């Protein structure tokens, strides 16, 4: 039986919530709504949503604050909606831990396609391991990345990552000892190029290390800072 995905739509404009709900329900998703950031954060903490569509500009608590606070407790996939196509909004969103963003005005069909793509990338939570051998798997002494299952384990314990954290780890691990600067990582992992603030990468590396460190200090040490350049993945065999 196919899984029923539960999605939280957060926007202070009722017409936008209604529009998104209509299109997403056509795809068979279960939709819940919130009209402000405070209510959205409470709902997102209490309920295990499969994905959250989160408006960035809201009264009280904006989308960036909601995303940042939620990331302290959960790895729920988040697509941020922003009325401004300005670079600063995208940077703030990515720094806070959002996985994707869509600029208003948007096509509802584009939203549906982005939702489907992100749910596929985040499907590790519903993956059931079978006896069949996986083809796309990277194994190190302290860390295993099963890309077919979108699953990361350190010292045989599962590590829960956001889709972007997973993509960053997988990208680095595919090329051990190769140094990538922040611009390269933004282009390859976020598919986004800009000049200026590169803290998005640093923030995600910090979160990734913290999550790995809770399970395995050795796994966390494999993500190495190359001062003045960027980051690399270093194999530890001790």
C-alpha atoms as a PDB file:
ATOM      1  CA  UNK A   1       0.000   0.000   0.000  1.00  0.00           C
ATOM      2  CA  UNK A   2       1.372   3.396  -1.009  1.00  0.00           C
ATOM      3  CA  UNK A   3       2.277   5.762   1.804  1.00  0.00           C
ATOM      4  CA  UNK A   4      -0.008   8.754   2.396  1.00  0.00           C
ATOM      5  CA  UNK A   5       2.188  11.823   2.661  1.00  0.00           C
ATOM      6  CA  UNK A   6       1.169  14.503   5.166  1.00  0.00           C
ATOM      7  CA  UNK A   7       2.143  18.069   4.220  1.00  0.00           C
ATOM      8  CA  UNK A   8       1.866  21.282   6.238  1.00  0.00           C
ATOM      9  CA  UNK A   9       1.146  24.417   4.178  1.00  0.00           C
ATOM     10  CA  UNK A  10       2.071  27.646   5.964  1.00  0.00           C
ATOM     11  CA  UNK A  11       1.107  31.051   4.538  1.00  0.00           C
ATOM     12  CA  UNK A  12      -0.671  34.070   5.974  1.00  0.00           C
ATOM     13  CA  UNK A  13      -2.664  34.472   2.734  1.00  0.00           C
ATOM     14  CA  UNK A  14      -5.712  32.195   2.687  1.00  0.00           C
ATOM     15  CA  UNK A  15      -6.011  32.214  -1.123  1.00  0.00           C
ATOM     16  CA  UNK A  16      -2.476  30.830  -1.461  1.00  0.00           C
ATOM     17  CA  UNK A  17      -3.148  28.114   1.116  1.00  0.00           C
ATOM     18  CA  UNK A  18      -6.368  27.159  -0.691  1.00  0.00           C
ATOM     19  CA  UNK A  19      -4.615  27.051  -4.070  1.00  0.00           C
ATOM     20  CA  UNK A  20      -1.752  24.887  -2.808  1.00  0.00           C
ATOM     21  CA  UNK A  21      -4.126  22.621  -0.909  1.00  0.00           C
ATOM     22  CA  UNK A  22      -6.272  22.064  -3.994  1.00  0.00           C
ATOM     23  CA  UNK A  23      -3.349  21.094  -6.234  1.00  0.00           C
ATOM     24  CA  UNK A  24      -1.606  18.939  -3.624  1.00  0.00           C
ATOM     25  CA  UNK A  25      -4.781  17.089  -2.626  1.00  0.00           C
ATOM     26  CA  UNK A  26      -5.255  16.166  -6.291  1.00  0.00           C
ATOM     27  CA  UNK A  27      -1.976  14.258  -5.956  1.00  0.00           C
ATOM     28  CA  UNK A  28      -3.318  12.336  -2.980  1.00  0.00           C
ATOM     29  CA  UNK A  29      -1.429  14.230  -0.260  1.00  0.00           C
ATOM     30  CA  UNK A  30      -2.985  14.937   3.144  1.00  0.00           C
ATOM     31  CA  UNK A  31      -2.835  18.684   3.731  1.00  0.00           C
ATOM     32  CA  UNK A  32      -2.920  20.669   6.968  1.00  0.00           C
ATOM     33  CA  UNK A  33      -2.683  24.445   7.166  1.00  0.00           C
ATOM     34  CA  UNK A  34      -1.250  27.169   9.382  1.00  0.00           C
ATOM     35  CA  UNK A  35      -1.610  30.924   8.881  1.00  0.00           C
ATOM     36  CA  UNK A  36       1.252  32.143  11.064  1.00  0.00           C
ATOM     37  CA  UNK A  37       4.705  31.086  12.184  1.00  0.00           C
ATOM     38  CA  UNK A  38       3.903  30.468  15.843  1.00  0.00           C
ATOM     39  CA  UNK A  39       1.101  27.993  15.053  1.00  0.00           C
ATOM     40  CA  UNK A  40       3.183  26.402  12.284  1.00  0.00           C
ATOM     41  CA  UNK A  41       6.141  25.727  14.593  1.00  0.00           C
ATOM     42  CA  UNK A  42       3.898  24.181  17.249  1.00  0.00           C
ATOM     43  CA  UNK A  43       2.200  21.927  14.674  1.00  0.00           C
ATOM     44  CA  UNK A  44       5.505  20.956  13.054  1.00  0.00           C
ATOM     45  CA  UNK A  45       6.999  19.927  16.409  1.00  0.00           C
ATOM     46  CA  UNK A  46       3.945  17.957  17.513  1.00  0.00           C
ATOM     47  CA  UNK A  47       3.293  16.194  14.177  1.00  0.00           C
ATOM     48  CA  UNK A  48       5.719  14.259  11.976  1.00  0.00           C
ATOM     49  CA  UNK A  49       4.979  15.866   8.614  1.00  0.00           C
ATOM     50  CA  UNK A  50       6.625  14.460   5.502  1.00  0.00           C
ATOM     51  CA  UNK A  51       7.178  17.974   4.130  1.00  0.00           C
ATOM     52  CA  UNK A  52       6.458  21.610   4.997  1.00  0.00           C
ATOM     53  CA  UNK A  53       5.728  24.424   2.533  1.00  0.00           C
ATOM     54  CA  UNK A  54       6.715  27.532   4.479  1.00  0.00           C
ATOM     55  CA  UNK A  55       6.143  31.170   3.574  1.00  0.00           C
ATOM     56  CA  UNK A  56       9.095  33.384   4.476  1.00  0.00           C
ATOM     57  CA  UNK A  57       7.212  36.647   5.137  1.00  0.00           C
ATOM     58  CA  UNK A  58       4.706  36.255   7.982  1.00  0.00           C
ATOM     59  CA  UNK A  59       3.688  38.336  11.001  1.00  0.00           C
ATOM     60  CA  UNK A  60       4.923  37.328  14.444  1.00  0.00           C
ATOM     61  CA  UNK A  61       7.465  34.677  13.559  1.00  0.00           C
ATOM     62  CA  UNK A  62       8.714  34.604   9.971  1.00  0.00           C
ATOM     63  CA  UNK A  63       9.613  31.515   7.947  1.00  0.00           C
ATOM     64  CA  UNK A  64      13.330  31.807   8.591  1.00  0.00           C
ATOM     65  CA  UNK A  65      12.781  31.816  12.370  1.00  0.00           C
ATOM     66  CA  UNK A  66      10.386  28.862  12.133  1.00  0.00           C
ATOM     67  CA  UNK A  67      12.855  26.902  10.013  1.00  0.00           C
ATOM     68  CA  UNK A  68      15.793  27.682  12.294  1.00  0.00           C
ATOM     69  CA  UNK A  69      13.907  26.689  15.466  1.00  0.00           C
ATOM     70  CA  UNK A  70      12.458  23.543  13.898  1.00  0.00           C
ATOM     71  CA  UNK A  71      15.914  22.431  12.744  1.00  0.00           C
ATOM     72  CA  UNK A  72      16.990  22.271  16.392  1.00  0.00           C
ATOM     73  CA  UNK A  73      14.462  19.456  16.904  1.00  0.00           C
ATOM     74  CA  UNK A  74      13.605  17.879  13.532  1.00  0.00           C
ATOM     75  CA  UNK A  75      14.876  17.198  10.009  1.00  0.00           C
ATOM     76  CA  UNK A  76      11.512  17.595   8.251  1.00  0.00           C
ATOM     77  CA  UNK A  77      12.033  18.558   4.560  1.00  0.00           C
ATOM     78  CA  UNK A  78      11.167  22.229   4.006  1.00  0.00           C
ATOM     79  CA  UNK A  79      10.408  24.202   0.843  1.00  0.00           C
ATOM     80  CA  UNK A  80      10.379  27.924   1.514  1.00  0.00           C
ATOM     81  CA  UNK A  81       8.023  30.262  -0.342  1.00  0.00           C
ATOM     82  CA  UNK A  82       9.238  33.817  -0.788  1.00  0.00           C
ATOM     83  CA  UNK A  83       7.589  36.832  -2.405  1.00  0.00           C
ATOM     84  CA  UNK A  84      11.014  38.297  -2.983  1.00  0.00           C
ATOM     85  CA  UNK A  85      13.413  36.890  -5.524  1.00  0.00           C
ATOM     86  CA  UNK A  86      16.230  38.734  -3.814  1.00  0.00           C
ATOM     87  CA  UNK A  87      19.382  36.808  -3.107  1.00  0.00           C
ATOM     88  CA  UNK A  88      19.413  37.678   0.600  1.00  0.00           C
ATOM     89  CA  UNK A  89      16.134  35.815   1.195  1.00  0.00           C
ATOM     90  CA  UNK A  90      17.445  32.660  -0.427  1.00  0.00           C
ATOM     91  CA  UNK A  91      20.680  32.887   1.541  1.00  0.00           C
ATOM     92  CA  UNK A  92      18.827  33.325   4.847  1.00  0.00           C
ATOM     93  CA  UNK A  93      16.562  30.411   4.008  1.00  0.00           C
ATOM     94  CA  UNK A  94      19.412  28.062   3.145  1.00  0.00           C
ATOM     95  CA  UNK A  95      21.359  29.132   6.237  1.00  0.00           C
ATOM     96  CA  UNK A  96      18.333  28.347   8.393  1.00  0.00           C
ATOM     97  CA  UNK A  97      18.194  24.857   6.919  1.00  0.00           C
ATOM     98  CA  UNK A  98      15.574  24.947   4.156  1.00  0.00           C
ATOM     99  CA  UNK A  99      15.979  22.308   1.432  1.00  0.00           C
ATOM    100  CA  UNK A 100      14.505  24.226  -1.494  1.00  0.00           C
ATOM    101  CA  UNK A 101      12.784  27.516  -2.247  1.00  0.00           C
ATOM    102  CA  UNK A 102      10.144  28.765  -4.674  1.00  0.00           C
ATOM    103  CA  UNK A 103       9.709  32.428  -5.571  1.00  0.00           C
ATOM    104  CA  UNK A 104       6.221  33.962  -5.737  1.00  0.00           C
ATOM    105  CA  UNK A 105       4.346  34.293  -8.006  1.00  0.00           C
ATOM    106  CA  UNK A 106       4.695  30.594  -8.750  1.00  0.00           C
ATOM    107  CA  UNK A 107       3.030  27.972 -10.891  1.00  0.00           C
ATOM    108  CA  UNK A 108       1.118  25.459  -8.732  1.00  0.00           C
ATOM    109  CA  UNK A 109       2.335  22.730 -11.089  1.00  0.00           C
ATOM    110  CA  UNK A 110       5.936  23.709 -10.350  1.00  0.00           C
ATOM    111  CA  UNK A 111       5.205  23.455  -6.624  1.00  0.00           C
ATOM    112  CA  UNK A 112       3.787  19.944  -7.098  1.00  0.00           C
ATOM    113  CA  UNK A 113       6.877  18.870  -9.072  1.00  0.00           C
ATOM    114  CA  UNK A 114       9.236  20.305  -6.414  1.00  0.00           C
ATOM    115  CA  UNK A 115       7.252  18.601  -3.642  1.00  0.00           C
ATOM    116  CA  UNK A 116       7.422  15.250  -5.437  1.00  0.00           C
ATOM    117  CA  UNK A 117      11.170  15.629  -6.028  1.00  0.00           C
ATOM    118  CA  UNK A 118      11.906  16.517  -2.394  1.00  0.00           C
ATOM    119  CA  UNK A 119       9.735  13.688  -1.053  1.00  0.00           C
ATOM    120  CA  UNK A 120      11.686  11.256  -3.240  1.00  0.00           C
ATOM    121  CA  UNK A 121      14.982  12.580  -1.901  1.00  0.00           C
ATOM    122  CA  UNK A 122      13.740  12.374   1.676  1.00  0.00           C
ATOM    123  CA  UNK A 123      12.252   8.894   1.352  1.00  0.00           C
ATOM    124  CA  UNK A 124      14.813   7.298   3.681  1.00  0.00           C
ATOM    125  CA  UNK A 125      12.388   7.457   6.607  1.00  0.00           C
ATOM    126  CA  UNK A 126       9.965   5.084   4.869  1.00  0.00           C
ATOM    127  CA  UNK A 127      12.557   2.806   3.330  1.00  0.00           C
ATOM    128  CA  UNK A 128      12.376  -0.842   4.364  1.00  0.00           C
ATOM    129  CA  UNK A 129      15.629  -2.737   4.059  1.00  0.00           C
ATOM    130  CA  UNK A 130      15.470  -5.956   2.045  1.00  0.00           C
ATOM    131  CA  UNK A 131      17.881  -8.749   1.323  1.00  0.00           C
ATOM    132  CA  UNK A 132      18.543  -7.499  -2.191  1.00  0.00           C
ATOM    133  CA  UNK A 133      22.003  -6.035  -2.647  1.00  0.00           C
ATOM    134  CA  UNK A 134      22.268  -2.287  -3.194  1.00  0.00           C
ATOM    135  CA  UNK A 135      24.459  -0.966  -5.956  1.00  0.00           C
ATOM    136  CA  UNK A 136      25.036   2.600  -4.792  1.00  0.00           C
ATOM    137  CA  UNK A 137      26.624   2.285  -1.362  1.00  0.00           C
ATOM    138  CA  UNK A 138      29.762   3.896   0.103  1.00  0.00           C
ATOM    139  CA  UNK A 139      31.325   2.074   3.031  1.00  0.00           C
ATOM    140  CA  UNK A 140      34.003   3.449   5.353  1.00  0.00           C
ATOM    141  CA  UNK A 141      35.133   2.077   8.704  1.00  0.00           C
ATOM    142  CA  UNK A 142      33.040   4.481  10.766  1.00  0.00           C
ATOM    143  CA  UNK A 143      30.426   5.558   8.231  1.00  0.00           C
ATOM    144  CA  UNK A 144      28.165   3.979   5.614  1.00  0.00           C
ATOM    145  CA  UNK A 145      26.118   5.878   3.042  1.00  0.00           C
ATOM    146  CA  UNK A 146      23.478   3.804   1.253  1.00  0.00           C
ATOM    147  CA  UNK A 147      22.365   6.073  -1.576  1.00  0.00           C
ATOM    148  CA  UNK A 148      19.736   3.647  -2.856  1.00  0.00           C
ATOM    149  CA  UNK A 149      18.060   3.838   0.541  1.00  0.00           C
ATOM    150  CA  UNK A 150      19.083   7.439   1.261  1.00  0.00           C
ATOM    151  CA  UNK A 151      20.343   6.144   4.614  1.00  0.00           C
ATOM    152  CA  UNK A 152      23.399   7.133   6.645  1.00  0.00           C
ATOM    153  CA  UNK A 153      24.733   5.002   9.495  1.00  0.00           C
ATOM    154  CA  UNK A 154      27.698   5.717  11.760  1.00  0.00           C
ATOM    155  CA  UNK A 155      29.016   2.903  13.985  1.00  0.00           C
ATOM    156  CA  UNK A 156      25.904   0.946  12.881  1.00  0.00           C
ATOM    157  CA  UNK A 157      23.552   3.619  14.220  1.00  0.00           C
ATOM    158  CA  UNK A 158      21.273   5.533  11.856  1.00  0.00           C
ATOM    159  CA  UNK A 159      21.860   9.290  11.509  1.00  0.00           C
ATOM    160  CA  UNK A 160      18.806  11.401  10.611  1.00  0.00           C
ATOM    161  CA  UNK A 161      19.708  14.157   8.140  1.00  0.00           C
ATOM    162  CA  UNK A 162      17.775  16.742   6.181  1.00  0.00           C
ATOM    163  CA  UNK A 163      17.835  16.202   2.389  1.00  0.00           C
ATOM    164  CA  UNK A 164      20.425  18.968   1.948  1.00  0.00           C
ATOM    165  CA  UNK A 165      22.644  17.655   4.753  1.00  0.00           C
ATOM    166  CA  UNK A 166      22.499  14.221   3.150  1.00  0.00           C
ATOM    167  CA  UNK A 167      23.330  15.568  -0.322  1.00  0.00           C
ATOM    168  CA  UNK A 168      26.283  17.524   1.075  1.00  0.00           C
ATOM    169  CA  UNK A 169      27.692  14.475   2.877  1.00  0.00           C
ATOM    170  CA  UNK A 170      27.175  12.192  -0.119  1.00  0.00           C
ATOM    171  CA  UNK A 171      28.809  14.670  -2.507  1.00  0.00           C
ATOM    172  CA  UNK A 172      31.916  15.034  -0.319  1.00  0.00           C
ATOM    173  CA  UNK A 173      32.159  11.294   0.418  1.00  0.00           C
ATOM    174  CA  UNK A 174      32.092  10.409  -3.281  1.00  0.00           C
ATOM    175  CA  UNK A 175      35.469  12.150  -3.697  1.00  0.00           C
ATOM    176  CA  UNK A 176      37.606  11.418  -0.607  1.00  0.00           C
ATOM    177  CA  UNK A 177      40.526  13.823  -0.044  1.00  0.00           C
ATOM    178  CA  UNK A 178      39.366  16.174  -2.806  1.00  0.00           C
ATOM    179  CA  UNK A 179      39.050  19.752  -1.557  1.00  0.00           C
ATOM    180  CA  UNK A 180      35.980  21.742  -2.616  1.00  0.00           C
ATOM    181  CA  UNK A 181      35.632  25.462  -2.083  1.00  0.00           C
ATOM    182  CA  UNK A 182      32.320  26.911  -0.901  1.00  0.00           C
ATOM    183  CA  UNK A 183      31.359  28.196  -4.364  1.00  0.00           C
ATOM    184  CA  UNK A 184      31.761  24.689  -5.817  1.00  0.00           C
ATOM    185  CA  UNK A 185      29.645  23.157  -3.069  1.00  0.00           C
ATOM    186  CA  UNK A 186      26.892  25.744  -3.549  1.00  0.00           C
ATOM    187  CA  UNK A 187      26.849  25.023  -7.267  1.00  0.00           C
ATOM    188  CA  UNK A 188      26.927  21.218  -6.971  1.00  0.00           C
ATOM    189  CA  UNK A 189      24.756  20.655  -3.883  1.00  0.00           C
ATOM    190  CA  UNK A 190      22.421  23.652  -3.925  1.00  0.00           C
ATOM    191  CA  UNK A 191      22.558  24.129  -7.725  1.00  0.00           C
ATOM    192  CA  UNK A 192      22.826  27.797  -6.971  1.00  0.00           C
ATOM    193  CA  UNK A 193      25.532  30.327  -7.777  1.00  0.00           C
ATOM    194  CA  UNK A 194      25.936  33.690  -6.140  1.00  0.00           C
ATOM    195  CA  UNK A 195      28.690  36.006  -5.009  1.00  0.00           C
ATOM    196  CA  UNK A 196      28.996  37.235  -1.457  1.00  0.00           C
ATOM    197  CA  UNK A 197      27.691  35.414   1.600  1.00  0.00           C
ATOM    198  CA  UNK A 198      28.869  31.791   1.684  1.00  0.00           C
ATOM    199  CA  UNK A 199      27.702  30.977   5.221  1.00  0.00           C
ATOM    200  CA  UNK A 200      25.091  28.604   3.839  1.00  0.00           C
ATOM    201  CA  UNK A 201      27.769  25.940   3.377  1.00  0.00           C
ATOM    202  CA  UNK A 202      29.401  26.576   6.755  1.00  0.00           C
ATOM    203  CA  UNK A 203      26.050  26.330   8.554  1.00  0.00           C
ATOM    204  CA  UNK A 204      25.203  22.992   6.941  1.00  0.00           C
ATOM    205  CA  UNK A 205      28.677  21.566   7.603  1.00  0.00           C
ATOM    206  CA  UNK A 206      28.343  22.583  11.267  1.00  0.00           C
ATOM    207  CA  UNK A 207      24.938  20.876  11.578  1.00  0.00           C
ATOM    208  CA  UNK A 208      26.172  17.786   9.754  1.00  0.00           C
ATOM    209  CA  UNK A 209      29.170  17.431  12.060  1.00  0.00           C
ATOM    210  CA  UNK A 210      27.003  17.896  15.149  1.00  0.00           C
ATOM    211  CA  UNK A 211      24.597  15.149  14.078  1.00  0.00           C
ATOM    212  CA  UNK A 212      27.401  12.735  13.189  1.00  0.00           C
ATOM    213  CA  UNK A 213      29.247  13.546  16.408  1.00  0.00           C
ATOM    214  CA  UNK A 214      26.250  12.497  18.522  1.00  0.00           C
ATOM    215  CA  UNK A 215      26.727   8.989  17.128  1.00  0.00           C
ATOM    216  CA  UNK A 216      30.413   8.820  16.247  1.00  0.00           C
ATOM    217  CA  UNK A 217      33.245  11.293  16.845  1.00  0.00           C
ATOM    218  CA  UNK A 218      35.300   9.539  14.166  1.00  0.00           C
ATOM    219  CA  UNK A 219      32.542   9.972  11.556  1.00  0.00           C
ATOM    220  CA  UNK A 220      32.288  13.687  12.387  1.00  0.00           C
ATOM    221  CA  UNK A 221      36.060  14.100  12.007  1.00  0.00           C
ATOM    222  CA  UNK A 222      35.859  12.832   8.426  1.00  0.00           C
ATOM    223  CA  UNK A 223      34.484  16.205   7.309  1.00  0.00           C
ATOM    224  CA  UNK A 224      37.610  18.333   7.378  1.00  0.00           C
ATOM    225  CA  UNK A 225      37.938  22.108   7.089  1.00  0.00           C
ATOM    226  CA  UNK A 226      40.738  23.181   4.765  1.00  0.00           C
ATOM    227  CA  UNK A 227      41.433  26.670   6.066  1.00  0.00           C
ATOM    228  CA  UNK A 228      41.282  29.408   3.461  1.00  0.00           C
ATOM    229  CA  UNK A 229      39.870  27.022   0.846  1.00  0.00           C
ATOM    230  CA  UNK A 230      36.825  24.957   1.826  1.00  0.00           C
ATOM    231  CA  UNK A 231      36.059  21.392   2.885  1.00  0.00           C
ATOM    232  CA  UNK A 232      37.012  17.817   2.105  1.00  0.00           C
ATOM    233  CA  UNK A 233      36.087  14.286   3.184  1.00  0.00           C
ATOM    234  CA  UNK A 234      39.001  12.471   4.809  1.00  0.00           C
ATOM    235  CA  UNK A 235      38.967   8.724   5.420  1.00  0.00           C
ATOM    236  CA  UNK A 236      39.819   7.695   8.995  1.00  0.00           C
ATOM    237  CA  UNK A 237      40.846   4.069   9.464  1.00  0.00           C
ATOM    238  CA  UNK A 238      41.911   4.161  13.093  1.00  0.00           C
END
